[in-house]
């Protein structure tokens, strides 16, 4: 394998690992935010948009 092919392969591999890490982080953060919203909803805190619909 030439030096150029090795460089390109390494660049793609690093990019794939970084993108997979970012996607994982986003999914974990989404779960945490949904859990936070569920806790707020359970404690009686409502969204402002809910009040607008009831008026």
C-alpha atoms as a PDB file:
ATOM      1  CA  UNK A   1       0.000   0.000   0.000  1.00  0.00           C
ATOM      2  CA  UNK A   2       1.396   3.366  -0.966  1.00  0.00           C
ATOM      3  CA  UNK A   3       1.884   6.182   1.500  1.00  0.00           C
ATOM      4  CA  UNK A   4      -0.908   8.161  -0.130  1.00  0.00           C
ATOM      5  CA  UNK A   5      -3.405   5.303   0.112  1.00  0.00           C
ATOM      6  CA  UNK A   6      -2.454   4.765   3.754  1.00  0.00           C
ATOM      7  CA  UNK A   7      -2.998   8.488   4.456  1.00  0.00           C
ATOM      8  CA  UNK A   8      -6.405   8.494   2.762  1.00  0.00           C
ATOM      9  CA  UNK A   9      -7.491   5.312   4.538  1.00  0.00           C
ATOM     10  CA  UNK A  10      -6.412   6.712   7.916  1.00  0.00           C
ATOM     11  CA  UNK A  11      -8.226   9.991   7.234  1.00  0.00           C
ATOM     12  CA  UNK A  12     -11.458   8.173   6.386  1.00  0.00           C
ATOM     13  CA  UNK A  13     -11.125   5.915   9.429  1.00  0.00           C
ATOM     14  CA  UNK A  14     -10.566   8.844  11.784  1.00  0.00           C
ATOM     15  CA  UNK A  15     -13.501  10.699  10.249  1.00  0.00           C
ATOM     16  CA  UNK A  16     -15.757   7.657  10.670  1.00  0.00           C
ATOM     17  CA  UNK A  17     -14.752   7.277  14.330  1.00  0.00           C
ATOM     18  CA  UNK A  18     -15.349  10.967  15.044  1.00  0.00           C
ATOM     19  CA  UNK A  19     -18.751  10.940  13.326  1.00  0.00           C
ATOM     20  CA  UNK A  20     -19.793   7.794  15.186  1.00  0.00           C
ATOM     21  CA  UNK A  21     -18.742   9.443  18.454  1.00  0.00           C
ATOM     22  CA  UNK A  22     -20.754  12.567  17.692  1.00  0.00           C
ATOM     23  CA  UNK A  23     -23.835  10.556  16.762  1.00  0.00           C
ATOM     24  CA  UNK A  24     -23.509   8.553  19.984  1.00  0.00           C
ATOM     25  CA  UNK A  25     -23.138  11.711  22.037  1.00  0.00           C
ATOM     26  CA  UNK A  26     -26.214  13.256  20.412  1.00  0.00           C
ATOM     27  CA  UNK A  27     -28.299  10.140  21.088  1.00  0.00           C
ATOM     28  CA  UNK A  28     -27.213   9.992  24.738  1.00  0.00           C
ATOM     29  CA  UNK A  29     -27.935  13.700  25.189  1.00  0.00           C
ATOM     30  CA  UNK A  30     -31.352  13.256  23.575  1.00  0.00           C
ATOM     31  CA  UNK A  31     -32.213  10.561  26.114  1.00  0.00           C
ATOM     32  CA  UNK A  32     -31.118  12.807  28.979  1.00  0.00           C
ATOM     33  CA  UNK A  33     -33.171  15.766  27.707  1.00  0.00           C
ATOM     34  CA  UNK A  34     -36.265  13.584  27.255  1.00  0.00           C
ATOM     35  CA  UNK A  35     -35.821  12.288  30.803  1.00  0.00           C
ATOM     36  CA  UNK A  36     -35.492  15.880  32.078  1.00  0.00           C
ATOM     37  CA  UNK A  37     -38.664  16.899  30.230  1.00  0.00           C
ATOM     38  CA  UNK A  38     -40.541  13.891  31.610  1.00  0.00           C
ATOM     39  CA  UNK A  39     -39.481  14.806  35.165  1.00  0.00           C
ATOM     40  CA  UNK A  40     -40.602  18.407  34.677  1.00  0.00           C
ATOM     41  CA  UNK A  41     -43.904  17.250  33.194  1.00  0.00           C
ATOM     42  CA  UNK A  42     -44.456  14.860  36.114  1.00  0.00           C
ATOM     43  CA  UNK A  43     -43.788  17.647  38.627  1.00  0.00           C
ATOM     44  CA  UNK A  44     -46.459  19.847  37.063  1.00  0.00           C
ATOM     45  CA  UNK A  45     -44.294  22.218  35.046  1.00  0.00           C
ATOM     46  CA  UNK A  46     -45.946  22.868  31.699  1.00  0.00           C
ATOM     47  CA  UNK A  47     -44.768  24.443  28.477  1.00  0.00           C
ATOM     48  CA  UNK A  48     -45.886  27.946  27.602  1.00  0.00           C
ATOM     49  CA  UNK A  49     -47.334  26.627  24.340  1.00  0.00           C
ATOM     50  CA  UNK A  50     -49.714  24.404  26.358  1.00  0.00           C
ATOM     51  CA  UNK A  51     -51.212  27.456  28.089  1.00  0.00           C
ATOM     52  CA  UNK A  52     -51.772  29.209  24.768  1.00  0.00           C
ATOM     53  CA  UNK A  53     -53.816  26.277  23.463  1.00  0.00           C
ATOM     54  CA  UNK A  54     -56.148  26.211  26.498  1.00  0.00           C
ATOM     55  CA  UNK A  55     -57.134  29.879  26.354  1.00  0.00           C
END
